[in-house]
Structures are given as C-alpha cells and as structure tokens.
C-alpha cells in the first residue's frame, strides 16, 4: 500500500515485488520527495506525493493518517529479533527489502514481559538492543545514526536504557562514553552464534580504546589515567587492568609504568623515554 500511494504515476514501469529465498524486495517508480531520505525516514514528517490518493486510502482504512507505517514495519521485524527493513533510493525508484532472518521467540517473550511490567519498548530501544546483540558496544554517535535522532536524543535513549530499564552498562565518560548490554540480558536474548562474546576481540577493543584516550590526553597536555579511570572506561576488574596495561607497555614504549599508589597514573609520552 505504501508503494501504491507514493509511487510517481508520471513514470512508466510497474511496482515490482521480487520474492527471493533470503529476502523480499518491493520497489516503486519515483524517488524520495519533500526532504525524505533513507537516513531520516524513521522520524520525518509526512510528504505525500499523491495526497488525494492517500486521503482515499485513509477513508478506506487501508493506510494510516499518523505516518506510522515505516516505524511499524521496523518494529514488527525487531520484535521478532529479525533484521530491520532496508530502505534505499535506486535511480528513480525507492526500494524496500525485508530479510528472511531467524525468529527469536526469546526476544518476543522478553518484550511481552517488559510490557506487562509497565516498560514499553520503543522502536529506538529495539534498534539499540538489536545492534548490541550483534556488536560488543554502541556509542552515542552510533545510536544517533541507528535511530535517526540527534546525538542528544540518542544519548538520552541510551541513558534511559541504562538507568531506568537497567538493560545497559556504561563505560567511558563524556563524549567517550559507550554502552553494552548487561551480561545477563545478553545471555538471555542472544541467538545461537551470538551467545558468547568473543573475549579476545573485547580485550583488543579495550586496549585500542585505552591507547586512544592516553594519546588524546597527552596531546592536550592533560593528566594520564588511573587504574580506577581504566576500570570505569573498560568495565574490567583490577587484575585485568594490570594485565591489559602490561600488554600495552610491552607493545608501545610511549606508555610509562604508573608507579605505585592509588593515584598513580598511566601516561603516554609523545617522545618515548630515552629518545632525549
């Protein structure tokens, strides 16, 4: 119905529905109008190409006046643990792809239980959970692109999922913050193949993050990081931090040993010790 009421009837060619084993593709003549793009379509206001046709379909109760169709499509797939639809502009046509991916009864049951407890999951919440079942972490900018919200709105959603819903753990601070699914929730919702995070990849990601932060602080002339800072940034325990920093010092001579004491700091020297 969306393709029928939004196609450009000045262009030749039919609405196409292609059924593959792995996906269904629907395409209709006519590109996006009114400022709508694939990266803002979730939240953009209505921009009907054929307003009289839309009014007729609304009167017949075949489409919804509230411009909820795209979000409903996304939510319907995300509720079942499936990949969200892919919307793109190809030449002078709009293409919509539905992927044939694995259904997750566990996720569907989780959403039902949360609704019964008074916690209603929005499309944005589901997009974040879907992402974190397939990636180790998400940043504010990641969430902004994913939900098609401003950076501030996306961070508010992540903070809500952390503090109110208790779905996420937060690492880092300020603009360097990132969020991860809480381990118990990840284990509950993960499908086969997602059930265990690759600890080595997580370890290497933590090293990369720490090294980047140390370099940034050195370049800005700021103090280094204490072990407590590092535990907050990486969500690793005390012993893991000691081991991680020992690896980094062995790999990069710019990083100095922090010394002893609670307030000892790991520092990145722009000129390695011994180079004058």
C-alpha atoms as a PDB file:
ATOM      1  CA  UNK A   1       0.000   0.000   0.000  1.00  0.00           C
ATOM      2  CA  UNK A   2       2.889   2.352   0.735  1.00  0.00           C
ATOM      3  CA  UNK A   3       4.338   1.769  -2.723  1.00  0.00           C
ATOM      4  CA  UNK A   4       0.913   2.143  -4.327  1.00  0.00           C
ATOM      5  CA  UNK A   5       0.116   5.520  -2.779  1.00  0.00           C
ATOM      6  CA  UNK A   6       3.619   7.055  -3.008  1.00  0.00           C
ATOM      7  CA  UNK A   7       4.749   5.973  -6.485  1.00  0.00           C
ATOM      8  CA  UNK A   8       5.229   8.569  -9.217  1.00  0.00           C
ATOM      9  CA  UNK A   9       2.488   7.915 -11.760  1.00  0.00           C
ATOM     10  CA  UNK A  10       4.210  10.136 -14.326  1.00  0.00           C
ATOM     11  CA  UNK A  11       6.861   7.458 -14.708  1.00  0.00           C
ATOM     12  CA  UNK A  12       6.372   4.253 -16.592  1.00  0.00           C
ATOM     13  CA  UNK A  13       7.039   0.853 -15.145  1.00  0.00           C
ATOM     14  CA  UNK A  14       5.212  -1.242 -12.561  1.00  0.00           C
ATOM     15  CA  UNK A  15       5.553  -1.664  -8.829  1.00  0.00           C
ATOM     16  CA  UNK A  16       7.807  -4.725  -8.509  1.00  0.00           C
ATOM     17  CA  UNK A  17       7.677  -7.386  -5.812  1.00  0.00           C
ATOM     18  CA  UNK A  18      10.584  -9.829  -6.004  1.00  0.00           C
ATOM     19  CA  UNK A  19      10.482 -12.899  -3.783  1.00  0.00           C
ATOM     20  CA  UNK A  20      13.889 -14.486  -3.101  1.00  0.00           C
ATOM     21  CA  UNK A  21      14.724 -17.264  -0.658  1.00  0.00           C
ATOM     22  CA  UNK A  22      16.585 -14.803   1.577  1.00  0.00           C
ATOM     23  CA  UNK A  23      14.503 -11.636   1.132  1.00  0.00           C
ATOM     24  CA  UNK A  24      11.516  -9.855  -0.409  1.00  0.00           C
ATOM     25  CA  UNK A  25      12.159  -6.678  -2.405  1.00  0.00           C
ATOM     26  CA  UNK A  26       9.466  -4.107  -3.193  1.00  0.00           C
ATOM     27  CA  UNK A  27      10.289  -1.185  -5.482  1.00  0.00           C
ATOM     28  CA  UNK A  28       8.148   1.566  -6.943  1.00  0.00           C
ATOM     29  CA  UNK A  29       8.840   4.294  -9.506  1.00  0.00           C
ATOM     30  CA  UNK A  30       9.655   7.714  -8.073  1.00  0.00           C
ATOM     31  CA  UNK A  31      12.428   8.786  -5.716  1.00  0.00           C
ATOM     32  CA  UNK A  32      12.032  10.422  -2.313  1.00  0.00           C
ATOM     33  CA  UNK A  33      10.424  13.869  -2.097  1.00  0.00           C
ATOM     34  CA  UNK A  34       9.963  16.612   0.486  1.00  0.00           C
ATOM     35  CA  UNK A  35      13.355  16.147   2.119  1.00  0.00           C
ATOM     36  CA  UNK A  36      12.780  12.480   2.980  1.00  0.00           C
ATOM     37  CA  UNK A  37      15.943  10.364   2.786  1.00  0.00           C
ATOM     38  CA  UNK A  38      16.840   6.809   3.835  1.00  0.00           C
ATOM     39  CA  UNK A  39      18.730   8.230   6.839  1.00  0.00           C
ATOM     40  CA  UNK A  40      15.805  10.292   8.195  1.00  0.00           C
ATOM     41  CA  UNK A  41      12.703   8.406   7.065  1.00  0.00           C
ATOM     42  CA  UNK A  42      12.009   6.944  10.523  1.00  0.00           C
ATOM     43  CA  UNK A  43      11.217  10.339  12.015  1.00  0.00           C
ATOM     44  CA  UNK A  44      10.449  12.600   9.047  1.00  0.00           C
ATOM     45  CA  UNK A  45       7.014  14.151   8.780  1.00  0.00           C
ATOM     46  CA  UNK A  46       4.593  13.031   6.037  1.00  0.00           C
ATOM     47  CA  UNK A  47       5.393  14.062   2.467  1.00  0.00           C
ATOM     48  CA  UNK A  48       2.687  12.517   0.260  1.00  0.00           C
ATOM     49  CA  UNK A  49       3.312  12.598  -3.475  1.00  0.00           C
ATOM     50  CA  UNK A  50      -0.367  11.845  -4.214  1.00  0.00           C
ATOM     51  CA  UNK A  51      -2.402  13.492  -1.407  1.00  0.00           C
ATOM     52  CA  UNK A  52      -5.845  12.754  -2.917  1.00  0.00           C
ATOM     53  CA  UNK A  53      -4.980   9.079  -3.306  1.00  0.00           C
ATOM     54  CA  UNK A  54      -3.700   8.985   0.272  1.00  0.00           C
ATOM     55  CA  UNK A  55      -6.942  10.559   1.545  1.00  0.00           C
ATOM     56  CA  UNK A  56      -8.971   7.949  -0.342  1.00  0.00           C
ATOM     57  CA  UNK A  57      -6.917   5.088   1.125  1.00  0.00           C
ATOM     58  CA  UNK A  58      -7.276   6.595   4.621  1.00  0.00           C
ATOM     59  CA  UNK A  59     -11.073   6.751   4.141  1.00  0.00           C
ATOM     60  CA  UNK A  60     -10.992   3.066   3.154  1.00  0.00           C
ATOM     61  CA  UNK A  61      -8.829   2.357   6.237  1.00  0.00           C
ATOM     62  CA  UNK A  62      -6.102   0.852   4.094  1.00  0.00           C
ATOM     63  CA  UNK A  63      -3.378   3.226   5.297  1.00  0.00           C
ATOM     64  CA  UNK A  64      -2.802   5.221   8.486  1.00  0.00           C
ATOM     65  CA  UNK A  65      -3.001   9.014   8.683  1.00  0.00           C
ATOM     66  CA  UNK A  66      -0.450   9.181  11.509  1.00  0.00           C
ATOM     67  CA  UNK A  67       2.578   8.452   9.296  1.00  0.00           C
ATOM     68  CA  UNK A  68       3.499   5.432  11.411  1.00  0.00           C
ATOM     69  CA  UNK A  69       3.950   2.934   8.587  1.00  0.00           C
ATOM     70  CA  UNK A  70       7.752   2.905   8.445  1.00  0.00           C
ATOM     71  CA  UNK A  71       8.212   2.683  12.218  1.00  0.00           C
ATOM     72  CA  UNK A  72       5.598  -0.089  12.368  1.00  0.00           C
ATOM     73  CA  UNK A  73       7.498  -2.062   9.734  1.00  0.00           C
ATOM     74  CA  UNK A  74      10.737  -1.677  11.676  1.00  0.00           C
ATOM     75  CA  UNK A  75       9.109  -2.556  14.997  1.00  0.00           C
ATOM     76  CA  UNK A  76       7.369  -5.639  13.599  1.00  0.00           C
ATOM     77  CA  UNK A  77      10.699  -7.113  12.484  1.00  0.00           C
ATOM     78  CA  UNK A  78      12.715  -6.016  15.518  1.00  0.00           C
ATOM     79  CA  UNK A  79      10.161  -7.525  17.925  1.00  0.00           C
ATOM     80  CA  UNK A  80      10.952 -10.918  16.423  1.00  0.00           C
ATOM     81  CA  UNK A  81      14.706 -10.456  16.527  1.00  0.00           C
ATOM     82  CA  UNK A  82      14.914 -10.050  12.760  1.00  0.00           C
ATOM     83  CA  UNK A  83      16.936  -7.598  10.708  1.00  0.00           C
ATOM     84  CA  UNK A  84      15.076  -4.293  10.225  1.00  0.00           C
ATOM     85  CA  UNK A  85      13.960  -3.433   6.680  1.00  0.00           C
ATOM     86  CA  UNK A  86      16.445  -1.778   4.339  1.00  0.00           C
ATOM     87  CA  UNK A  87      15.157   1.296   2.538  1.00  0.00           C
ATOM     88  CA  UNK A  88      17.155   2.832  -0.292  1.00  0.00           C
ATOM     89  CA  UNK A  89      16.837   5.021  -3.362  1.00  0.00           C
ATOM     90  CA  UNK A  90      17.979   3.313  -6.545  1.00  0.00           C
ATOM     91  CA  UNK A  91      17.936   5.605  -9.556  1.00  0.00           C
ATOM     92  CA  UNK A  92      14.407   6.992  -9.833  1.00  0.00           C
ATOM     93  CA  UNK A  93      12.856   4.303  -7.612  1.00  0.00           C
ATOM     94  CA  UNK A  94      12.531   3.566  -3.907  1.00  0.00           C
ATOM     95  CA  UNK A  95      13.397   0.019  -2.845  1.00  0.00           C
ATOM     96  CA  UNK A  96      12.345  -1.718   0.359  1.00  0.00           C
ATOM     97  CA  UNK A  97      13.941  -5.039   1.376  1.00  0.00           C
ATOM     98  CA  UNK A  98      12.622  -7.437   4.028  1.00  0.00           C
ATOM     99  CA  UNK A  99      15.198 -10.030   5.062  1.00  0.00           C
ATOM    100  CA  UNK A 100      14.394 -13.642   5.876  1.00  0.00           C
ATOM    101  CA  UNK A 101      16.335 -13.955   9.145  1.00  0.00           C
ATOM    102  CA  UNK A 102      15.935 -16.064  12.268  1.00  0.00           C
ATOM    103  CA  UNK A 103      12.923 -15.525  14.525  1.00  0.00           C
ATOM    104  CA  UNK A 104      13.704 -15.073  18.230  1.00  0.00           C
ATOM    105  CA  UNK A 105      10.915 -16.331  20.495  1.00  0.00           C
ATOM    106  CA  UNK A 106      13.072 -15.324  23.477  1.00  0.00           C
ATOM    107  CA  UNK A 107      13.174 -11.677  22.456  1.00  0.00           C
ATOM    108  CA  UNK A 108       9.434 -11.654  21.716  1.00  0.00           C
ATOM    109  CA  UNK A 109       8.700 -13.096  25.155  1.00  0.00           C
ATOM    110  CA  UNK A 110      11.061 -10.591  26.781  1.00  0.00           C
ATOM    111  CA  UNK A 111       9.188  -7.672  25.193  1.00  0.00           C
ATOM    112  CA  UNK A 112       5.834  -9.084  26.340  1.00  0.00           C
ATOM    113  CA  UNK A 113       7.113  -9.447  29.911  1.00  0.00           C
ATOM    114  CA  UNK A 114       8.525  -5.925  29.889  1.00  0.00           C
ATOM    115  CA  UNK A 115       5.205  -4.503  28.663  1.00  0.00           C
ATOM    116  CA  UNK A 116       3.372  -6.370  31.424  1.00  0.00           C
ATOM    117  CA  UNK A 117       5.773  -4.762  33.905  1.00  0.00           C
ATOM    118  CA  UNK A 118       4.959  -1.312  32.507  1.00  0.00           C
ATOM    119  CA  UNK A 119       8.147  -0.898  30.466  1.00  0.00           C
ATOM    120  CA  UNK A 120       7.132  -0.172  26.882  1.00  0.00           C
ATOM    121  CA  UNK A 121       9.952  -0.644  24.377  1.00  0.00           C
ATOM    122  CA  UNK A 122      10.001   1.829  21.511  1.00  0.00           C
ATOM    123  CA  UNK A 123      11.459   1.304  18.061  1.00  0.00           C
ATOM    124  CA  UNK A 124      14.582   3.155  19.250  1.00  0.00           C
ATOM    125  CA  UNK A 125      15.012   0.787  22.217  1.00  0.00           C
ATOM    126  CA  UNK A 126      14.629  -2.237  19.943  1.00  0.00           C
ATOM    127  CA  UNK A 127      17.139  -0.869  17.415  1.00  0.00           C
ATOM    128  CA  UNK A 128      19.729  -0.449  20.196  1.00  0.00           C
ATOM    129  CA  UNK A 129      19.118  -3.969  21.568  1.00  0.00           C
ATOM    130  CA  UNK A 130      19.304  -5.445  18.061  1.00  0.00           C
ATOM    131  CA  UNK A 131      22.620  -3.671  17.463  1.00  0.00           C
ATOM    132  CA  UNK A 132      24.103  -4.803  20.769  1.00  0.00           C
ATOM    133  CA  UNK A 133      23.196  -8.441  20.146  1.00  0.00           C
ATOM    134  CA  UNK A 134      25.443  -8.243  17.088  1.00  0.00           C
ATOM    135  CA  UNK A 135      28.135  -5.783  18.255  1.00  0.00           C
ATOM    136  CA  UNK A 136      30.019  -5.512  21.549  1.00  0.00           C
ATOM    137  CA  UNK A 137      29.158  -1.871  22.220  1.00  0.00           C
ATOM    138  CA  UNK A 138      27.430   1.260  20.974  1.00  0.00           C
ATOM    139  CA  UNK A 139      28.402   4.937  21.215  1.00  0.00           C
ATOM    140  CA  UNK A 140      26.185   7.996  21.166  1.00  0.00           C
ATOM    141  CA  UNK A 141      27.062   8.688  17.528  1.00  0.00           C
ATOM    142  CA  UNK A 142      26.332   5.048  16.616  1.00  0.00           C
ATOM    143  CA  UNK A 143      22.921   5.296  18.263  1.00  0.00           C
ATOM    144  CA  UNK A 144      22.244   8.633  16.573  1.00  0.00           C
ATOM    145  CA  UNK A 145      22.785   7.131  13.109  1.00  0.00           C
ATOM    146  CA  UNK A 146      20.895   3.957  14.015  1.00  0.00           C
ATOM    147  CA  UNK A 147      17.765   5.645  15.383  1.00  0.00           C
ATOM    148  CA  UNK A 148      17.947   8.672  13.080  1.00  0.00           C
ATOM    149  CA  UNK A 149      17.829  11.001  16.101  1.00  0.00           C
ATOM    150  CA  UNK A 150      20.061  13.867  17.134  1.00  0.00           C
ATOM    151  CA  UNK A 151      23.132  12.979  19.184  1.00  0.00           C
ATOM    152  CA  UNK A 152      21.496  14.413  22.290  1.00  0.00           C
ATOM    153  CA  UNK A 153      18.278  12.435  21.786  1.00  0.00           C
ATOM    154  CA  UNK A 154      20.221   9.231  21.146  1.00  0.00           C
ATOM    155  CA  UNK A 155      22.280   9.673  24.319  1.00  0.00           C
ATOM    156  CA  UNK A 156      19.102  10.282  26.296  1.00  0.00           C
ATOM    157  CA  UNK A 157      17.718   6.986  24.997  1.00  0.00           C
ATOM    158  CA  UNK A 158      20.920   5.148  25.969  1.00  0.00           C
ATOM    159  CA  UNK A 159      20.920   6.744  29.417  1.00  0.00           C
ATOM    160  CA  UNK A 160      17.274   5.758  29.901  1.00  0.00           C
ATOM    161  CA  UNK A 161      18.097   2.155  28.939  1.00  0.00           C
ATOM    162  CA  UNK A 162      20.973   2.221  31.413  1.00  0.00           C
ATOM    163  CA  UNK A 163      19.350   3.884  34.418  1.00  0.00           C
ATOM    164  CA  UNK A 164      15.608   3.319  34.104  1.00  0.00           C
ATOM    165  CA  UNK A 165      15.364  -0.010  32.287  1.00  0.00           C
ATOM    166  CA  UNK A 166      18.708  -1.397  33.561  1.00  0.00           C
ATOM    167  CA  UNK A 167      19.421  -3.019  30.183  1.00  0.00           C
ATOM    168  CA  UNK A 168      22.828  -1.425  29.601  1.00  0.00           C
ATOM    169  CA  UNK A 169      26.152  -0.869  31.329  1.00  0.00           C
ATOM    170  CA  UNK A 170      28.077   2.303  30.595  1.00  0.00           C
ATOM    171  CA  UNK A 171      31.800   2.685  30.099  1.00  0.00           C
ATOM    172  CA  UNK A 172      33.980   5.722  29.489  1.00  0.00           C
ATOM    173  CA  UNK A 173      32.920   9.260  30.272  1.00  0.00           C
ATOM    174  CA  UNK A 174      31.705  12.353  28.460  1.00  0.00           C
ATOM    175  CA  UNK A 175      31.961  12.180  24.686  1.00  0.00           C
ATOM    176  CA  UNK A 176      33.974   8.960  25.048  1.00  0.00           C
ATOM    177  CA  UNK A 177      31.080   7.083  26.670  1.00  0.00           C
ATOM    178  CA  UNK A 178      29.900   3.784  25.276  1.00  0.00           C
ATOM    179  CA  UNK A 179      27.234   1.278  26.311  1.00  0.00           C
ATOM    180  CA  UNK A 180      26.982  -2.518  26.339  1.00  0.00           C
ATOM    181  CA  UNK A 181      24.166  -4.944  27.044  1.00  0.00           C
ATOM    182  CA  UNK A 182      24.312  -6.225  30.599  1.00  0.00           C
ATOM    183  CA  UNK A 183      25.802  -9.751  30.529  1.00  0.00           C
ATOM    184  CA  UNK A 184      22.688 -11.423  31.960  1.00  0.00           C
ATOM    185  CA  UNK A 185      20.446  -9.782  29.346  1.00  0.00           C
ATOM    186  CA  UNK A 186      22.862 -10.620  26.537  1.00  0.00           C
ATOM    187  CA  UNK A 187      22.916 -14.284  27.559  1.00  0.00           C
ATOM    188  CA  UNK A 188      19.134 -14.354  27.745  1.00  0.00           C
ATOM    189  CA  UNK A 189      18.432 -12.765  24.375  1.00  0.00           C
ATOM    190  CA  UNK A 190      21.321 -13.972  22.222  1.00  0.00           C
ATOM    191  CA  UNK A 191      20.593 -16.403  19.412  1.00  0.00           C
ATOM    192  CA  UNK A 192      22.949 -19.293  18.581  1.00  0.00           C
ATOM    193  CA  UNK A 193      26.131 -17.712  17.292  1.00  0.00           C
ATOM    194  CA  UNK A 194      25.542 -14.636  19.456  1.00  0.00           C
ATOM    195  CA  UNK A 195      25.510 -16.499  22.760  1.00  0.00           C
ATOM    196  CA  UNK A 196      29.080 -15.771  23.797  1.00  0.00           C
ATOM    197  CA  UNK A 197      31.039 -12.616  23.137  1.00  0.00           C
ATOM    198  CA  UNK A 198      34.496 -13.024  21.723  1.00  0.00           C
ATOM    199  CA  UNK A 199      36.540 -12.161  24.791  1.00  0.00           C
ATOM    200  CA  UNK A 200      39.718 -11.641  22.770  1.00  0.00           C
ATOM    201  CA  UNK A 201      38.013  -9.151  20.498  1.00  0.00           C
ATOM    202  CA  UNK A 202      36.642  -7.379  23.570  1.00  0.00           C
ATOM    203  CA  UNK A 203      40.147  -7.347  25.079  1.00  0.00           C
ATOM    204  CA  UNK A 204      41.677  -5.859  21.935  1.00  0.00           C
ATOM    205  CA  UNK A 205      38.878  -3.285  21.737  1.00  0.00           C
ATOM    206  CA  UNK A 206      39.612  -2.245  25.334  1.00  0.00           C
ATOM    207  CA  UNK A 207      43.308  -1.865  24.536  1.00  0.00           C
ATOM    208  CA  UNK A 208      42.555   0.251  21.478  1.00  0.00           C
ATOM    209  CA  UNK A 209      40.211   2.490  23.473  1.00  0.00           C
ATOM    210  CA  UNK A 210      42.681   2.983  26.319  1.00  0.00           C
ATOM    211  CA  UNK A 211      45.580   3.723  23.962  1.00  0.00           C
ATOM    212  CA  UNK A 212      43.479   6.270  22.061  1.00  0.00           C
ATOM    213  CA  UNK A 213      42.441   8.052  25.277  1.00  0.00           C
ATOM    214  CA  UNK A 214      46.012   8.155  26.588  1.00  0.00           C
ATOM    215  CA  UNK A 215      47.220   9.690  23.326  1.00  0.00           C
ATOM    216  CA  UNK A 216      44.438  12.279  23.333  1.00  0.00           C
ATOM    217  CA  UNK A 217      45.263  13.319  26.888  1.00  0.00           C
ATOM    218  CA  UNK A 218      48.964  13.594  26.085  1.00  0.00           C
ATOM    219  CA  UNK A 219      48.272  15.735  23.012  1.00  0.00           C
ATOM    220  CA  UNK A 220      46.062  18.065  25.079  1.00  0.00           C
ATOM    221  CA  UNK A 221      48.591  18.242  27.920  1.00  0.00           C
ATOM    222  CA  UNK A 222      46.192  16.567  30.371  1.00  0.00           C
ATOM    223  CA  UNK A 223      46.963  14.108  33.161  1.00  0.00           C
ATOM    224  CA  UNK A 224      47.081  10.394  32.475  1.00  0.00           C
ATOM    225  CA  UNK A 225      44.597   7.753  33.651  1.00  0.00           C
ATOM    226  CA  UNK A 226      44.474   5.995  36.997  1.00  0.00           C
ATOM    227  CA  UNK A 227      43.551   2.333  37.372  1.00  0.00           C
ATOM    228  CA  UNK A 228      40.163   3.449  38.654  1.00  0.00           C
ATOM    229  CA  UNK A 229      39.665   5.532  35.493  1.00  0.00           C
ATOM    230  CA  UNK A 230      40.550   2.499  33.398  1.00  0.00           C
ATOM    231  CA  UNK A 231      38.136   0.223  35.235  1.00  0.00           C
ATOM    232  CA  UNK A 232      35.355   2.714  34.553  1.00  0.00           C
ATOM    233  CA  UNK A 233      36.303   3.051  30.884  1.00  0.00           C
ATOM    234  CA  UNK A 234      36.689  -0.665  30.142  1.00  0.00           C
ATOM    235  CA  UNK A 235      34.458  -2.349  32.738  1.00  0.00           C
ATOM    236  CA  UNK A 236      37.371  -4.666  33.526  1.00  0.00           C
ATOM    237  CA  UNK A 237      38.388  -5.783  37.007  1.00  0.00           C
ATOM    238  CA  UNK A 238      41.518  -4.755  38.895  1.00  0.00           C
ATOM    239  CA  UNK A 239      43.638  -7.755  37.838  1.00  0.00           C
ATOM    240  CA  UNK A 240      42.517  -7.464  34.203  1.00  0.00           C
ATOM    241  CA  UNK A 241      43.536  -3.793  34.127  1.00  0.00           C
ATOM    242  CA  UNK A 242      47.016  -4.661  35.415  1.00  0.00           C
ATOM    243  CA  UNK A 243      47.379  -7.316  32.707  1.00  0.00           C
ATOM    244  CA  UNK A 244      45.969  -5.081  29.966  1.00  0.00           C
ATOM    245  CA  UNK A 245      48.331  -2.203  30.771  1.00  0.00           C
ATOM    246  CA  UNK A 246      51.303  -4.577  30.970  1.00  0.00           C
ATOM    247  CA  UNK A 247      50.477  -5.707  27.409  1.00  0.00           C
ATOM    248  CA  UNK A 248      50.169  -2.121  26.196  1.00  0.00           C
ATOM    249  CA  UNK A 249      53.513  -1.119  27.755  1.00  0.00           C
ATOM    250  CA  UNK A 250      55.176  -4.121  26.105  1.00  0.00           C
ATOM    251  CA  UNK A 251      53.733  -3.116  22.732  1.00  0.00           C
ATOM    252  CA  UNK A 252      54.288   0.652  22.946  1.00  0.00           C
ATOM    253  CA  UNK A 253      57.330   2.266  24.569  1.00  0.00           C
ATOM    254  CA  UNK A 254      55.489   5.594  24.791  1.00  0.00           C
ATOM    255  CA  UNK A 255      53.454   4.331  27.769  1.00  0.00           C
ATOM    256  CA  UNK A 256      55.186   4.750  31.119  1.00  0.00           C
ATOM    257  CA  UNK A 257      54.794   2.494  34.137  1.00  0.00           C
ATOM    258  CA  UNK A 258      52.423   4.304  36.527  1.00  0.00           C
ATOM    259  CA  UNK A 259      54.405   3.551  39.648  1.00  0.00           C
ATOM    260  CA  UNK A 260      52.672   2.646  42.904  1.00  0.00           C
ATOM    261  CA  UNK A 261      49.814   4.108  44.888  1.00  0.00           C
ATOM    262  CA  UNK A 262      46.121   4.724  44.471  1.00  0.00           C
ATOM    263  CA  UNK A 263      46.580   7.901  42.451  1.00  0.00           C
ATOM    264  CA  UNK A 264      49.375   6.649  40.185  1.00  0.00           C
ATOM    265  CA  UNK A 265      48.615   7.427  36.558  1.00  0.00           C
ATOM    266  CA  UNK A 266      49.319   5.743  33.250  1.00  0.00           C
ATOM    267  CA  UNK A 267      50.817   8.356  30.929  1.00  0.00           C
ATOM    268  CA  UNK A 268      51.515   8.368  27.212  1.00  0.00           C
ATOM    269  CA  UNK A 269      54.778  10.204  26.398  1.00  0.00           C
ATOM    270  CA  UNK A 270      54.764  11.764  22.938  1.00  0.00           C
ATOM    271  CA  UNK A 271      58.539  11.198  22.922  1.00  0.00           C
ATOM    272  CA  UNK A 272      59.476   7.730  24.210  1.00  0.00           C
ATOM    273  CA  UNK A 273      61.733   7.652  27.315  1.00  0.00           C
ATOM    274  CA  UNK A 274      65.365   7.524  26.268  1.00  0.00           C
ATOM    275  CA  UNK A 275      64.889   9.430  22.994  1.00  0.00           C
ATOM    276  CA  UNK A 276      66.181  12.636  24.503  1.00  0.00           C
END
